[in-house]
Every structure is written in C-alpha cells, then in structure tokens.
C-alpha cells in the first residue's frame, strides 16, 4: 500500500514537470531554440500570484487579492514576459544575425533574461521561501486507502486536458499547420506564405501560458513559492523532455511522469540527497542507449511536431 501511495504521489509531482517539459518541447520542437527563460516564467507567475494574494498591488493601491484572481494575474504576467523575450531574444536577434534557430546568441540572451528576472524578483521580495495563501481547508480524500489531495488530482486532470487540447491544436487547426510547417522548414514555410512574425509569438504565448499554469498549480498544491523555485523544476523538466524525446509532446508527458516517479521512489528508498544523482543518471543513461529519447526523432529540431 505504501508503494502504491508513492506512485500516486509521483504522478501528482510529475504533472508539474509535464507542463514545463511541454513548454520546453514547443520551443525546441518548433523553433529549435532552447528557451532558458522557461523556469523563470514558472517562478514569475507563482511569485506575482503570491505578492498579489499577500500584499495586493504595489504602493497600497489595493488590498490582498483572492488567491485565484492573484494567480490568474500571475499567469497573464508570465505570458507578457514571454512575449517580451520573444521580441528581444528571437525576433531582433533573427533580424540582426540571420536564422536564429541555428545561432547561439538567442540562447545566451534568453539566459540573460533568466538571470535578470530572477534577480529582480529577489530584490523585490527577498530570497526566502514564502507561504502561499491558497486553499485553507485540508482537501484530502481517501480512495481505497490511498490519500490524494484534491488540488493535486484536479491539477493532474487539468494537465491532461491541456496536453490533449494542445495536441489537437497542432494536428488539426490552421495555426497548428503553420507551426508544424515552421518546425519542418522555416524558410520553405515563409516562401509558402506562413507569416513568421505572427506565428512565432504564438509559441511564446503558449510557453508563457504553460509555465504560468505550472507555477500556479505548484503554488496551490505545495503552498510555497520562492525566487529559486524555477531552478529545480526547470532542470527536471529538461530531463523529462530528453528522456521522453526532444520535440514530442507525448514524449514530454511520459518523460515528466518518469522523472516524477524516479524522484519520489529515490526519496522513498535512498533519501532526498540522492535525487539529483538518480534523475541525471537516468538522463545520461537515456542519452547513451537511445539519444532521441523514447518518442523522439533522430533529426533534432526538424519537423518533429
């Protein structure tokens, strides 16, 4: 029974990794661009939600907001910041230096945004972890002796719906066809009339939305936020993306759940100090045995969606 409880816990934790891993997958699968600001967007949404729920708007303009409203504003803020990153790390760099999907400068500039945003949050709110004023009731249910927190269960279902909807969008809609055309060949897509300046920001909006949702779900489920919260989540989401397969959305889902299972079972069997060894050992083993991951393609960054 204890083992089954740990598996359920790993699914709940893995749902957070899945959402962030899918955000990574979108940018690397469509644009061949590893967006380092993704962990910061995750943190930014949660911290803005906490600040509004605990303090309200700066300068005492309003009192503390109801936590769902505060988190909704945090998600919107994450999407706006993601669009700013698109403008400066992708569009301007592409115009100035050529095809940014094959250039390291946008990647390095996204790392600069990560450091700037994270340190601005630290300056504004300090470096200590903060308690998020979420649901006050103990929303725990027992199913056959297995304890599940209702917010975590709802979050898992929510993530599944998001991934199914995103997959449908990419497969059947006109926007999805444009995104897949860019993933296959950006130059050919441009010649065929795909408006890169309108389509590419959609990728960053979706990235900001996914990261914001993941940050909000983490704040609700675990009740704690901090300026450093994106670092650990981001690295494990990258591990999940690689294990599942670069560019595959369902691979990111499976990889995120596998990383969550690996983390929880490692803590259960060997203690928390061995988690990083287990997760990154799994990643290295995957790279040695099957570099493209479970569901990935051998042609990294070209037409995988």
Protein backbone atom coordinates (compact mmCIF):
# COMPACT_ATOMS: atom_id res chain seq x y z
CA UNK A 1 0.00 0.00 0.00
CA UNK A 2 2.88 2.36 0.80
CA UNK A 3 4.42 1.71 -2.62
CA UNK A 4 1.12 2.48 -4.33
CA UNK A 5 0.86 5.72 -2.33
CA UNK A 6 4.32 6.73 -3.52
CA UNK A 7 3.36 6.03 -7.14
CA UNK A 8 0.30 8.26 -6.76
CA UNK A 9 2.49 10.99 -5.24
CA UNK A 10 4.90 10.70 -8.18
CA UNK A 11 2.04 11.20 -10.66
CA UNK A 12 0.99 14.37 -8.86
CA UNK A 13 4.53 15.73 -8.82
CA UNK A 14 5.14 14.61 -12.39
CA UNK A 15 2.18 16.66 -13.62
CA UNK A 16 4.13 19.84 -12.80
CA UNK A 17 7.20 18.54 -14.64
CA UNK A 18 4.99 17.58 -17.59
CA UNK A 19 3.64 21.10 -18.05
CA UNK A 20 7.09 22.71 -18.00
CA UNK A 21 8.56 19.94 -20.19
CA UNK A 22 5.84 20.55 -22.80
CA UNK A 23 6.75 24.26 -22.76
CA UNK A 24 10.38 23.35 -23.47
CA UNK A 25 9.24 20.94 -26.18
CA UNK A 26 7.25 23.61 -28.02
CA UNK A 27 10.20 25.97 -28.41
CA UNK A 28 12.80 23.34 -29.23
CA UNK A 29 10.43 21.31 -31.41
CA UNK A 30 9.16 24.23 -33.49
CA UNK A 31 11.96 26.80 -33.32
CA UNK A 32 14.95 24.58 -32.43
CA UNK A 33 15.55 27.06 -29.61
CA UNK A 34 16.24 26.05 -26.00
CA UNK A 35 14.48 28.84 -24.12
CA UNK A 36 16.24 29.28 -20.78
CA UNK A 37 13.61 31.72 -19.52
CA UNK A 38 11.04 28.94 -19.13
CA UNK A 39 11.95 28.11 -15.48
CA UNK A 40 11.86 31.84 -14.69
CA UNK A 41 8.39 32.21 -16.22
CA UNK A 42 7.26 29.35 -13.97
CA UNK A 43 8.66 31.16 -10.93
CA UNK A 44 7.46 34.59 -12.03
CA UNK A 45 3.79 33.57 -12.27
CA UNK A 46 3.86 31.97 -8.81
CA UNK A 47 5.68 34.91 -7.18
CA UNK A 48 3.37 37.52 -8.74
CA UNK A 49 0.39 35.46 -7.59
CA UNK A 50 1.81 35.28 -4.07
CA UNK A 51 2.58 39.02 -3.98
CA UNK A 52 -0.94 39.96 -5.06
CA UNK A 53 -2.57 37.46 -2.72
CA UNK A 54 -0.45 38.52 0.25
CA UNK A 55 0.15 42.25 -0.30
CA UNK A 56 -2.00 43.47 -3.19
CA UNK A 57 -0.80 45.96 -5.80
CA UNK A 58 2.41 47.92 -5.05
CA UNK A 59 2.03 51.18 -3.19
CA UNK A 60 -1.04 50.03 -1.33
CA UNK A 61 -3.30 50.66 -4.34
CA UNK A 62 -5.35 47.59 -3.39
CA UNK A 63 -5.51 45.15 -0.55
CA UNK A 64 -4.69 41.44 -0.86
CA UNK A 65 -6.46 39.76 -3.77
CA UNK A 66 -8.38 36.49 -3.62
CA UNK A 67 -5.81 33.82 -4.48
CA UNK A 68 -7.44 32.53 -7.74
CA UNK A 69 -7.53 36.11 -9.08
CA UNK A 70 -3.94 36.67 -7.99
CA UNK A 71 -2.76 33.53 -9.76
CA UNK A 72 -4.71 34.43 -12.91
CA UNK A 73 -2.89 37.78 -13.00
CA UNK A 74 0.40 35.92 -12.46
CA UNK A 75 -0.30 33.69 -15.46
CA UNK A 76 -1.09 36.72 -17.64
CA UNK A 77 2.11 38.39 -16.43
CA UNK A 78 4.06 35.27 -17.39
CA UNK A 79 2.61 35.38 -20.92
CA UNK A 80 3.50 39.08 -21.28
CA UNK A 81 7.08 38.49 -20.16
CA UNK A 82 7.32 35.57 -22.59
CA UNK A 83 6.29 37.87 -25.45
CA UNK A 84 8.96 40.38 -24.39
CA UNK A 85 11.50 37.55 -24.50
CA UNK A 86 10.29 36.63 -27.99
CA UNK A 87 10.80 40.16 -29.22
CA UNK A 88 14.35 40.53 -27.90
CA UNK A 89 15.78 37.01 -27.91
CA UNK A 90 14.24 35.73 -31.13
CA UNK A 91 12.86 38.39 -33.46
CA UNK A 92 15.54 41.07 -33.06
CA UNK A 93 18.36 38.53 -33.00
CA UNK A 94 16.98 36.83 -36.09
CA UNK A 95 16.85 40.12 -37.98
CA UNK A 96 20.34 41.09 -36.89
CA UNK A 97 22.18 37.79 -37.08
CA UNK A 98 20.24 35.69 -39.57
CA UNK A 99 18.48 32.41 -38.84
CA UNK A 100 18.23 32.43 -35.07
CA UNK A 101 17.27 28.76 -34.99
CA UNK A 102 20.88 27.95 -35.86
CA UNK A 103 22.60 30.65 -33.80
CA UNK A 104 23.70 30.59 -30.17
CA UNK A 105 23.07 34.29 -29.47
CA UNK A 106 19.30 33.97 -28.82
CA UNK A 107 20.02 31.11 -26.43
CA UNK A 108 22.55 33.18 -24.50
CA UNK A 109 20.25 36.21 -24.46
CA UNK A 110 17.43 34.08 -23.01
CA UNK A 111 19.85 33.06 -20.26
CA UNK A 112 20.41 36.77 -19.63
CA UNK A 113 16.65 37.29 -19.25
CA UNK A 114 16.55 34.39 -16.78
CA UNK A 115 19.19 36.00 -14.56
CA UNK A 116 17.72 39.50 -14.79
CA UNK A 117 14.13 38.49 -13.98
CA UNK A 118 15.14 36.14 -11.18
CA UNK A 119 17.34 38.75 -9.53
CA UNK A 120 14.70 41.47 -9.90
CA UNK A 121 12.27 39.21 -8.04
CA UNK A 122 14.89 38.60 -5.36
CA UNK A 123 15.45 42.35 -4.98
CA UNK A 124 11.71 43.00 -4.75
CA UNK A 125 10.64 40.13 -2.49
CA UNK A 126 13.79 38.72 -0.92
CA UNK A 127 15.30 35.27 -1.25
CA UNK A 128 13.31 33.40 1.41
CA UNK A 129 10.59 30.92 0.59
CA UNK A 130 7.09 32.31 1.17
CA UNK A 131 3.91 30.56 2.21
CA UNK A 132 1.22 30.86 -0.46
CA UNK A 133 -2.22 31.74 0.98
CA UNK A 134 -4.12 29.15 -1.02
CA UNK A 135 -6.99 26.84 -0.02
CA UNK A 136 -7.28 26.83 3.76
CA UNK A 137 -9.16 23.54 4.13
CA UNK A 138 -7.42 20.17 4.18
CA UNK A 139 -8.74 18.96 0.82
CA UNK A 140 -7.62 15.34 1.08
CA UNK A 141 -9.66 12.35 0.02
CA UNK A 142 -9.07 8.66 0.56
CA UNK A 143 -9.59 6.21 -2.31
CA UNK A 144 -9.15 2.60 -1.22
CA UNK A 145 -6.72 3.65 1.48
CA UNK A 146 -4.70 5.87 -0.90
CA UNK A 147 -4.64 9.51 0.13
CA UNK A 148 -4.91 12.09 -2.65
CA UNK A 149 -5.12 15.85 -2.25
CA UNK A 150 -7.99 17.20 -4.32
CA UNK A 151 -5.99 20.16 -5.77
CA UNK A 152 -3.27 17.76 -6.94
CA UNK A 153 -5.80 15.40 -8.53
CA UNK A 154 -7.58 18.27 -10.27
CA UNK A 155 -4.21 19.60 -11.43
CA UNK A 156 -3.32 16.23 -12.97
CA UNK A 157 -6.63 16.10 -14.86
CA UNK A 158 -6.15 19.71 -15.91
CA UNK A 159 -2.69 18.97 -17.31
CA UNK A 160 -4.04 16.00 -19.29
CA UNK A 161 -6.78 18.19 -20.80
CA UNK A 162 -4.24 20.89 -21.69
CA UNK A 163 -1.93 18.43 -23.43
CA UNK A 164 -4.79 16.83 -25.38
CA UNK A 165 -6.03 20.28 -26.42
CA UNK A 166 -2.56 21.38 -27.46
CA UNK A 167 -2.03 18.22 -29.47
CA UNK A 168 -5.40 18.78 -31.19
CA UNK A 169 -4.43 22.38 -31.96
CA UNK A 170 -1.16 21.32 -33.57
CA UNK A 171 -2.70 18.48 -35.57
CA UNK A 172 -5.94 19.91 -36.89
CA UNK A 173 -6.03 23.72 -36.83
CA UNK A 174 -4.66 26.17 -39.38
CA UNK A 175 -2.42 27.63 -36.71
CA UNK A 176 -1.10 24.16 -35.92
CA UNK A 177 -0.32 23.53 -39.59
CA UNK A 178 1.62 26.79 -39.68
CA UNK A 179 3.57 25.83 -36.56
CA UNK A 180 4.39 22.40 -37.97
CA UNK A 181 5.47 23.96 -41.27
CA UNK A 182 7.90 26.20 -39.39
CA UNK A 183 9.18 23.18 -37.47
CA UNK A 184 9.75 21.29 -40.73
CA UNK A 185 11.48 24.07 -42.67
CA UNK A 186 11.27 27.76 -41.63
CA UNK A 187 12.48 29.08 -44.99
CA UNK A 188 10.06 26.95 -47.02
CA UNK A 189 7.21 27.90 -44.68
CA UNK A 190 8.00 31.59 -45.22
CA UNK A 191 8.00 31.11 -49.01
CA UNK A 192 4.65 29.33 -48.82
CA UNK A 193 3.10 32.32 -47.06
CA UNK A 194 3.35 31.41 -43.37
CA UNK A 195 3.67 34.72 -41.52
CA UNK A 196 6.57 34.06 -39.13
CA UNK A 197 6.06 37.37 -37.30
CA UNK A 198 2.51 36.36 -36.37
CA UNK A 199 3.01 32.63 -35.80
CA UNK A 200 6.21 32.61 -33.72
CA UNK A 201 4.78 34.85 -30.93
CA UNK A 202 2.03 32.25 -30.51
CA UNK A 203 4.69 29.73 -29.50
CA UNK A 204 5.94 32.10 -26.81
CA UNK A 205 2.41 32.89 -25.65
CA UNK A 206 1.71 29.18 -25.26
CA UNK A 207 5.04 28.80 -23.46
CA UNK A 208 4.15 31.60 -21.03
CA UNK A 209 0.68 30.12 -20.51
CA UNK A 210 2.03 26.63 -19.76
CA UNK A 211 4.72 27.93 -17.41
CA UNK A 212 2.25 30.22 -15.67
CA UNK A 213 -0.22 27.36 -15.17
CA UNK A 214 2.54 25.12 -13.85
CA UNK A 215 3.65 27.81 -11.39
CA UNK A 216 0.07 28.35 -10.24
CA UNK A 217 -0.55 24.63 -9.79
CA UNK A 218 2.69 24.27 -7.83
CA UNK A 219 1.76 27.16 -5.53
CA UNK A 220 -1.69 25.68 -4.85
CA UNK A 221 -0.50 22.12 -4.34
CA UNK A 222 2.65 22.68 -2.32
CA UNK A 223 1.78 26.01 -0.69
CA UNK A 224 5.22 27.53 -1.04
CA UNK A 225 6.91 29.85 -3.53
CA UNK A 226 10.39 31.35 -3.80
CA UNK A 227 12.60 33.13 -6.37
CA UNK A 228 14.64 29.90 -6.66
CA UNK A 229 11.71 27.58 -7.30
CA UNK A 230 12.20 27.53 -11.06
CA UNK A 231 15.74 26.19 -10.98
CA UNK A 232 14.99 22.68 -9.71
CA UNK A 233 11.74 22.36 -11.66
CA UNK A 234 13.40 23.59 -14.86
CA UNK A 235 16.29 21.14 -14.76
CA UNK A 236 14.00 18.18 -14.07
CA UNK A 237 11.63 19.27 -16.82
CA UNK A 238 14.59 19.32 -19.24
CA UNK A 239 15.48 15.83 -18.07
CA UNK A 240 11.89 14.72 -18.68
CA UNK A 241 11.89 16.28 -22.15
CA UNK A 242 15.11 14.48 -23.10
CA UNK A 243 14.01 11.14 -21.66
CA UNK A 244 10.64 11.36 -23.42
CA UNK A 245 12.13 12.57 -26.71
CA UNK A 246 13.02 16.02 -27.98
CA UNK A 247 10.15 17.59 -29.89
CA UNK A 248 7.50 15.04 -28.92
CA UNK A 249 4.66 16.42 -26.80
CA UNK A 250 3.55 12.99 -25.63
CA UNK A 251 7.19 12.15 -25.04
CA UNK A 252 7.41 15.18 -22.74
CA UNK A 253 4.33 13.91 -20.90
CA UNK A 254 5.79 10.44 -20.38
CA UNK A 255 9.24 11.81 -19.57
CA UNK A 256 7.87 14.22 -16.97
CA UNK A 257 5.94 11.41 -15.27
CA UNK A 258 9.01 9.14 -15.35
CA UNK A 259 11.14 11.84 -13.73
CA UNK A 260 8.47 12.39 -11.07
CA UNK A 261 8.35 8.65 -10.38
CA UNK A 262 12.15 8.46 -10.26
CA UNK A 263 12.34 11.34 -7.79
CA UNK A 264 9.65 10.08 -5.41
CA UNK A 265 10.89 6.49 -5.41
CA UNK A 266 14.50 7.61 -4.91
CA UNK A 267 13.49 9.67 -1.89
CA UNK A 268 11.45 6.75 -0.57
CA UNK A 269 14.26 4.21 -0.96
CA UNK A 270 17.51 6.17 -0.56
CA UNK A 271 16.71 9.64 0.80
CA UNK A 272 16.45 13.12 -0.67
CA UNK A 273 20.21 13.58 -1.11
CA UNK A 274 20.31 11.06 -3.95
CA UNK A 275 17.57 12.59 -6.11
CA UNK A 276 19.83 14.58 -8.44
CA UNK A 277 22.08 11.56 -8.98
CA UNK A 278 19.10 9.38 -9.88
CA UNK A 279 17.43 11.89 -12.22
CA UNK A 280 20.56 12.90 -14.09
CA UNK A 281 21.81 9.33 -14.11
CA UNK A 282 18.55 8.41 -15.85
CA UNK A 283 19.09 11.21 -18.36
CA UNK A 284 22.66 10.14 -19.14
CA UNK A 285 21.59 6.51 -19.45
CA UNK A 286 18.90 7.57 -21.93
CA UNK A 287 21.44 9.55 -23.96
CA UNK A 288 23.78 6.56 -24.12
CA UNK A 289 21.15 3.97 -25.01
CA UNK A 290 18.61 5.99 -27.03
CA UNK A 291 19.76 9.58 -27.64
CA UNK A 292 16.50 10.58 -29.33
CA UNK A 293 14.51 9.59 -26.25
CA UNK A 294 11.50 7.30 -26.05
CA UNK A 295 9.32 9.07 -28.62
CA UNK A 296 11.77 11.49 -30.23
CA UNK A 297 13.13 11.65 -33.77
CA UNK A 298 16.72 11.36 -34.85
CA UNK A 299 16.57 14.74 -36.65
CA UNK A 300 16.67 17.09 -33.66
CA UNK A 301 14.84 20.36 -34.27
CA UNK A 302 13.40 19.49 -37.68
CA UNK A 303 9.77 18.58 -38.21
CA UNK A 304 9.06 16.60 -35.07
CA UNK A 305 5.65 18.03 -34.25
